[in-house]
Amino acid sequence: MGNAPRRRMKLEISLYAHATEDEGILLESVERVLGIRPEEIEREQISGHHGNPITVFRAVLSGDRAVEVLRGAAAKMDAAERELLRKSIDRAIDDRGKVHLRFDKQGLVLGSVRMGRRDPVGLTISPGPRREDVVGLLIGILEGGE
């Protein structure tokens, strides 16, 4: 993939911390496992359905920085997880060409990246003008190239 598609690519990472969760542990895990620095993360306080406090953490990265984080995430996946993601990537793409991935938050705290649906860490990858660019890049990263 050339540099132009990378420059247009955007990666958004989001996760929710409930009142019972240690925000410090979550942020440390995001930095240790995904390589996202604290200054790259925005924090927002919201209320849950029953008025319970929830903190939303969000980072938006672009270009080479987004690729660097994706490489780091792939490196923390075992071979079976990388293969599962590679085979299911077409189902993760919406009609605008964005890739939506969900990783297990508990796995992140334990130091690994694995697919998950319950209380996930969400990753949305926006490809820029061509969907094929982001799919090719992800496949290349998952296969150890790119």
C-alpha atoms as a PDB file:
ATOM      1  CA  MET A   1       0.000   0.000   0.000  1.00  0.00           C
ATOM      2  CA  GLY A   2       1.337   3.410  -0.893  1.00  0.00           C
ATOM      3  CA  ASN A   3       1.621   6.314   1.508  1.00  0.00           C
ATOM      4  CA  ALA A   4      -1.420   8.242   0.239  1.00  0.00           C
ATOM      5  CA  PRO A   5      -4.034   5.720   1.484  1.00  0.00           C
ATOM      6  CA  ARG A   6      -2.232   5.491   4.837  1.00  0.00           C
ATOM      7  CA  ARG A   7      -2.375   9.255   5.273  1.00  0.00           C
ATOM      8  CA  ARG A   8      -6.149   9.195   4.726  1.00  0.00           C
ATOM      9  CA  MET A   9      -6.803   6.263   7.042  1.00  0.00           C
ATOM     10  CA  LYS A  10      -8.275   7.015  10.462  1.00  0.00           C
ATOM     11  CA  LEU A  11      -8.482   4.696  13.465  1.00  0.00           C
ATOM     12  CA  GLU A  12     -10.893   5.356  16.328  1.00  0.00           C
ATOM     13  CA  ILE A  13     -10.593   3.355  19.540  1.00  0.00           C
ATOM     14  CA  SER A  14     -13.253   3.578  22.230  1.00  0.00           C
ATOM     15  CA  LEU A  15     -13.932   1.840  25.505  1.00  0.00           C
ATOM     16  CA  TYR A  16     -16.248   2.330  28.439  1.00  0.00           C
ATOM     17  CA  ALA A  17     -15.289   2.225  32.106  1.00  0.00           C
ATOM     18  CA  HIS A  18     -18.099   1.529  34.524  1.00  0.00           C
ATOM     19  CA  ALA A  19     -18.030   2.835  38.102  1.00  0.00           C
ATOM     20  CA  THR A  20     -16.788  -0.535  39.376  1.00  0.00           C
ATOM     21  CA  GLU A  21     -13.786  -0.593  37.023  1.00  0.00           C
ATOM     22  CA  ASP A  22     -10.379   0.901  37.744  1.00  0.00           C
ATOM     23  CA  GLU A  23      -9.805   3.546  35.071  1.00  0.00           C
ATOM     24  CA  GLY A  24      -6.076   3.578  35.772  1.00  0.00           C
ATOM     25  CA  ILE A  25      -5.761  -0.130  35.009  1.00  0.00           C
ATOM     26  CA  LEU A  26      -7.742   0.268  31.791  1.00  0.00           C
ATOM     27  CA  LEU A  27      -5.648   3.200  30.563  1.00  0.00           C
ATOM     28  CA  GLU A  28      -2.400   1.455  31.499  1.00  0.00           C
ATOM     29  CA  SER A  29      -3.565  -1.609  29.556  1.00  0.00           C
ATOM     30  CA  VAL A  30      -4.406   0.480  26.490  1.00  0.00           C
ATOM     31  CA  GLU A  31      -0.927   1.986  26.571  1.00  0.00           C
ATOM     32  CA  ARG A  32       0.903  -1.278  27.312  1.00  0.00           C
ATOM     33  CA  VAL A  33      -0.967  -3.486  24.851  1.00  0.00           C
ATOM     34  CA  LEU A  34      -2.017  -1.107  22.065  1.00  0.00           C
ATOM     35  CA  GLY A  35       0.693   1.518  22.477  1.00  0.00           C
ATOM     36  CA  ILE A  36      -1.761   4.404  22.741  1.00  0.00           C
ATOM     37  CA  ARG A  37      -0.316   7.153  24.915  1.00  0.00           C
ATOM     38  CA  PRO A  38      -2.456   8.834  27.615  1.00  0.00           C
ATOM     39  CA  GLU A  39      -2.227  12.215  25.880  1.00  0.00           C
ATOM     40  CA  GLU A  40      -3.860  10.658  22.785  1.00  0.00           C
ATOM     41  CA  ILE A  41      -6.949   9.646  24.770  1.00  0.00           C
ATOM     42  CA  GLU A  42      -9.971  11.866  25.408  1.00  0.00           C
ATOM     43  CA  ARG A  43     -12.271  11.259  28.361  1.00  0.00           C
ATOM     44  CA  GLU A  44     -16.012  11.920  28.598  1.00  0.00           C
ATOM     45  CA  GLN A  45     -18.372  11.318  31.518  1.00  0.00           C
ATOM     46  CA  ILE A  46     -21.837  10.007  30.691  1.00  0.00           C
ATOM     47  CA  SER A  47     -24.676   8.433  32.645  1.00  0.00           C
ATOM     48  CA  GLY A  48     -25.845   4.886  32.144  1.00  0.00           C
ATOM     49  CA  HIS A  49     -29.457   3.737  31.790  1.00  0.00           C
ATOM     50  CA  HIS A  50     -29.989   3.794  35.558  1.00  0.00           C
ATOM     51  CA  GLY A  51     -27.977   6.985  36.140  1.00  0.00           C
ATOM     52  CA  ASN A  52     -24.761   5.152  36.915  1.00  0.00           C
ATOM     53  CA  PRO A  53     -21.563   7.006  35.959  1.00  0.00           C
ATOM     54  CA  ILE A  54     -19.687   5.733  32.901  1.00  0.00           C
ATOM     55  CA  THR A  55     -16.448   7.106  31.530  1.00  0.00           C
ATOM     56  CA  VAL A  56     -15.931   6.905  27.773  1.00  0.00           C
ATOM     57  CA  PHE A  57     -12.329   6.844  26.584  1.00  0.00           C
ATOM     58  CA  ARG A  58     -11.709   7.625  22.921  1.00  0.00           C
ATOM     59  CA  ALA A  59      -8.614   8.055  20.778  1.00  0.00           C
ATOM     60  CA  VAL A  60      -8.592   9.060  17.123  1.00  0.00           C
ATOM     61  CA  LEU A  61      -5.361   8.352  15.242  1.00  0.00           C
ATOM     62  CA  SER A  62      -4.529   8.751  11.594  1.00  0.00           C
ATOM     63  CA  GLY A  63      -1.965   7.858   8.999  1.00  0.00           C
ATOM     64  CA  ASP A  64       1.216   6.097  10.056  1.00  0.00           C
ATOM     65  CA  ARG A  65       0.242   6.341  13.733  1.00  0.00           C
ATOM     66  CA  ALA A  66      -2.960   4.383  13.036  1.00  0.00           C
ATOM     67  CA  VAL A  67      -0.962   1.730  11.154  1.00  0.00           C
ATOM     68  CA  GLU A  68       1.519   1.510  14.040  1.00  0.00           C
ATOM     69  CA  VAL A  69      -1.292   0.824  16.533  1.00  0.00           C
ATOM     70  CA  LEU A  70      -2.874  -1.782  14.233  1.00  0.00           C
ATOM     71  CA  ARG A  71       0.490  -3.541  13.898  1.00  0.00           C
ATOM     72  CA  GLY A  72       0.885  -3.538  17.671  1.00  0.00           C
ATOM     73  CA  ALA A  73      -2.596  -5.000  18.146  1.00  0.00           C
ATOM     74  CA  ALA A  74      -1.912  -7.748  15.590  1.00  0.00           C
ATOM     75  CA  ALA A  75       1.362  -8.573  17.345  1.00  0.00           C
ATOM     76  CA  LYS A  76      -0.543  -9.136  20.606  1.00  0.00           C
ATOM     77  CA  MET A  77      -2.948 -11.590  18.926  1.00  0.00           C
ATOM     78  CA  ASP A  78      -2.190 -15.270  18.779  1.00  0.00           C
ATOM     79  CA  ALA A  79      -2.176 -16.990  15.393  1.00  0.00           C
ATOM     80  CA  ALA A  80      -5.720 -18.352  15.794  1.00  0.00           C
ATOM     81  CA  GLU A  81      -7.127 -14.885  16.564  1.00  0.00           C
ATOM     82  CA  ARG A  82      -5.323 -13.327  13.586  1.00  0.00           C
ATOM     83  CA  GLU A  83      -6.706 -16.040  11.315  1.00  0.00           C
ATOM     84  CA  LEU A  84     -10.235 -15.604  12.706  1.00  0.00           C
ATOM     85  CA  LEU A  85     -10.053 -11.868  12.067  1.00  0.00           C
ATOM     86  CA  ARG A  86      -8.594 -12.343   8.591  1.00  0.00           C
ATOM     87  CA  LYS A  87     -11.408 -14.730   7.629  1.00  0.00           C
ATOM     88  CA  SER A  88     -14.167 -12.551   9.062  1.00  0.00           C
ATOM     89  CA  ILE A  89     -12.983  -9.112   7.954  1.00  0.00           C
ATOM     90  CA  ASP A  90     -15.551  -8.821   5.149  1.00  0.00           C
ATOM     91  CA  ARG A  91     -18.369  -9.133   7.708  1.00  0.00           C
ATOM     92  CA  ALA A  92     -16.865  -6.277   9.748  1.00  0.00           C
ATOM     93  CA  ILE A  93     -17.161  -3.741   6.929  1.00  0.00           C
ATOM     94  CA  ASP A  94     -20.165  -1.449   6.729  1.00  0.00           C
ATOM     95  CA  ASP A  95     -21.685   0.077   3.586  1.00  0.00           C
ATOM     96  CA  ARG A  96     -19.391   3.125   3.867  1.00  0.00           C
ATOM     97  CA  GLY A  97     -16.246   0.978   3.869  1.00  0.00           C
ATOM     98  CA  LYS A  98     -15.512   1.365   7.577  1.00  0.00           C
ATOM     99  CA  VAL A  99     -14.190  -1.671   9.421  1.00  0.00           C
ATOM    100  CA  HIS A 100     -15.703  -2.223  12.877  1.00  0.00           C
ATOM    101  CA  LEU A 101     -13.791  -4.520  15.235  1.00  0.00           C
ATOM    102  CA  ARG A 102     -14.497  -5.449  18.839  1.00  0.00           C
ATOM    103  CA  PHE A 103     -11.774  -6.693  21.147  1.00  0.00           C
ATOM    104  CA  ASP A 104     -12.241  -8.212  24.586  1.00  0.00           C
ATOM    105  CA  LYS A 105     -11.549  -5.607  27.280  1.00  0.00           C
ATOM    106  CA  GLN A 106     -10.601  -8.245  29.854  1.00  0.00           C
ATOM    107  CA  GLY A 107      -8.087  -9.730  27.411  1.00  0.00           C
ATOM    108  CA  LEU A 108      -6.562  -6.286  26.996  1.00  0.00           C
ATOM    109  CA  VAL A 109      -6.125  -5.977  30.762  1.00  0.00           C
ATOM    110  CA  LEU A 110      -4.457  -9.408  30.734  1.00  0.00           C
ATOM    111  CA  GLY A 111      -2.070  -8.316  27.972  1.00  0.00           C
ATOM    112  CA  SER A 112      -3.528  -9.844  24.835  1.00  0.00           C
ATOM    113  CA  VAL A 113      -5.765  -8.838  21.960  1.00  0.00           C
ATOM    114  CA  ARG A 114      -8.641 -11.170  21.162  1.00  0.00           C
ATOM    115  CA  MET A 115     -11.995 -10.755  19.532  1.00  0.00           C
ATOM    116  CA  GLY A 116     -14.904 -10.106  21.883  1.00  0.00           C
ATOM    117  CA  ARG A 117     -18.441  -8.813  21.941  1.00  0.00           C
ATOM    118  CA  ARG A 118     -19.239  -8.409  25.624  1.00  0.00           C
ATOM    119  CA  ASP A 119     -18.077  -5.056  27.044  1.00  0.00           C
ATOM    120  CA  PRO A 120     -15.648  -4.617  24.146  1.00  0.00           C
ATOM    121  CA  VAL A 121     -12.945  -2.207  23.141  1.00  0.00           C
ATOM    122  CA  GLY A 122     -14.216  -0.871  19.827  1.00  0.00           C
ATOM    123  CA  LEU A 123     -11.986  -0.098  16.872  1.00  0.00           C
ATOM    124  CA  THR A 124     -13.324   1.642  13.786  1.00  0.00           C
ATOM    125  CA  ILE A 125     -11.052   1.988  10.794  1.00  0.00           C
ATOM    126  CA  SER A 126     -12.032   4.551   8.173  1.00  0.00           C
ATOM    127  CA  PRO A 127     -10.246   3.869   4.906  1.00  0.00           C
ATOM    128  CA  GLY A 128     -10.447   7.169   3.117  1.00  0.00           C
ATOM    129  CA  PRO A 129     -11.796   7.003  -0.425  1.00  0.00           C
ATOM    130  CA  ARG A 130     -11.140   3.309  -1.204  1.00  0.00           C
ATOM    131  CA  ARG A 131     -12.394   0.380   0.853  1.00  0.00           C
ATOM    132  CA  GLU A 132      -9.861  -1.951  -0.780  1.00  0.00           C
ATOM    133  CA  ASP A 133      -7.013   0.069   0.726  1.00  0.00           C
ATOM    134  CA  VAL A 134      -7.961  -0.647   4.336  1.00  0.00           C
ATOM    135  CA  VAL A 135      -8.814  -4.300   3.695  1.00  0.00           C
ATOM    136  CA  GLY A 136      -5.486  -4.877   1.946  1.00  0.00           C
ATOM    137  CA  LEU A 137      -3.614  -3.125   4.725  1.00  0.00           C
ATOM    138  CA  LEU A 138      -5.329  -5.154   7.453  1.00  0.00           C
ATOM    139  CA  ILE A 139      -4.734  -8.441   5.665  1.00  0.00           C
ATOM    140  CA  GLY A 140      -1.078  -7.488   5.207  1.00  0.00           C
ATOM    141  CA  ILE A 141      -0.693  -6.646   8.894  1.00  0.00           C
ATOM    142  CA  LEU A 142      -2.431  -9.838  10.010  1.00  0.00           C
ATOM    143  CA  GLU A 143      -0.194 -11.924   7.754  1.00  0.00           C
ATOM    144  CA  GLY A 144       2.904 -10.269   9.195  1.00  0.00           C
ATOM    145  CA  GLY A 145       3.684  -7.991   6.277  1.00  0.00           C
ATOM    146  CA  GLU A 146       2.829  -4.367   5.556  1.00  0.00           C
END
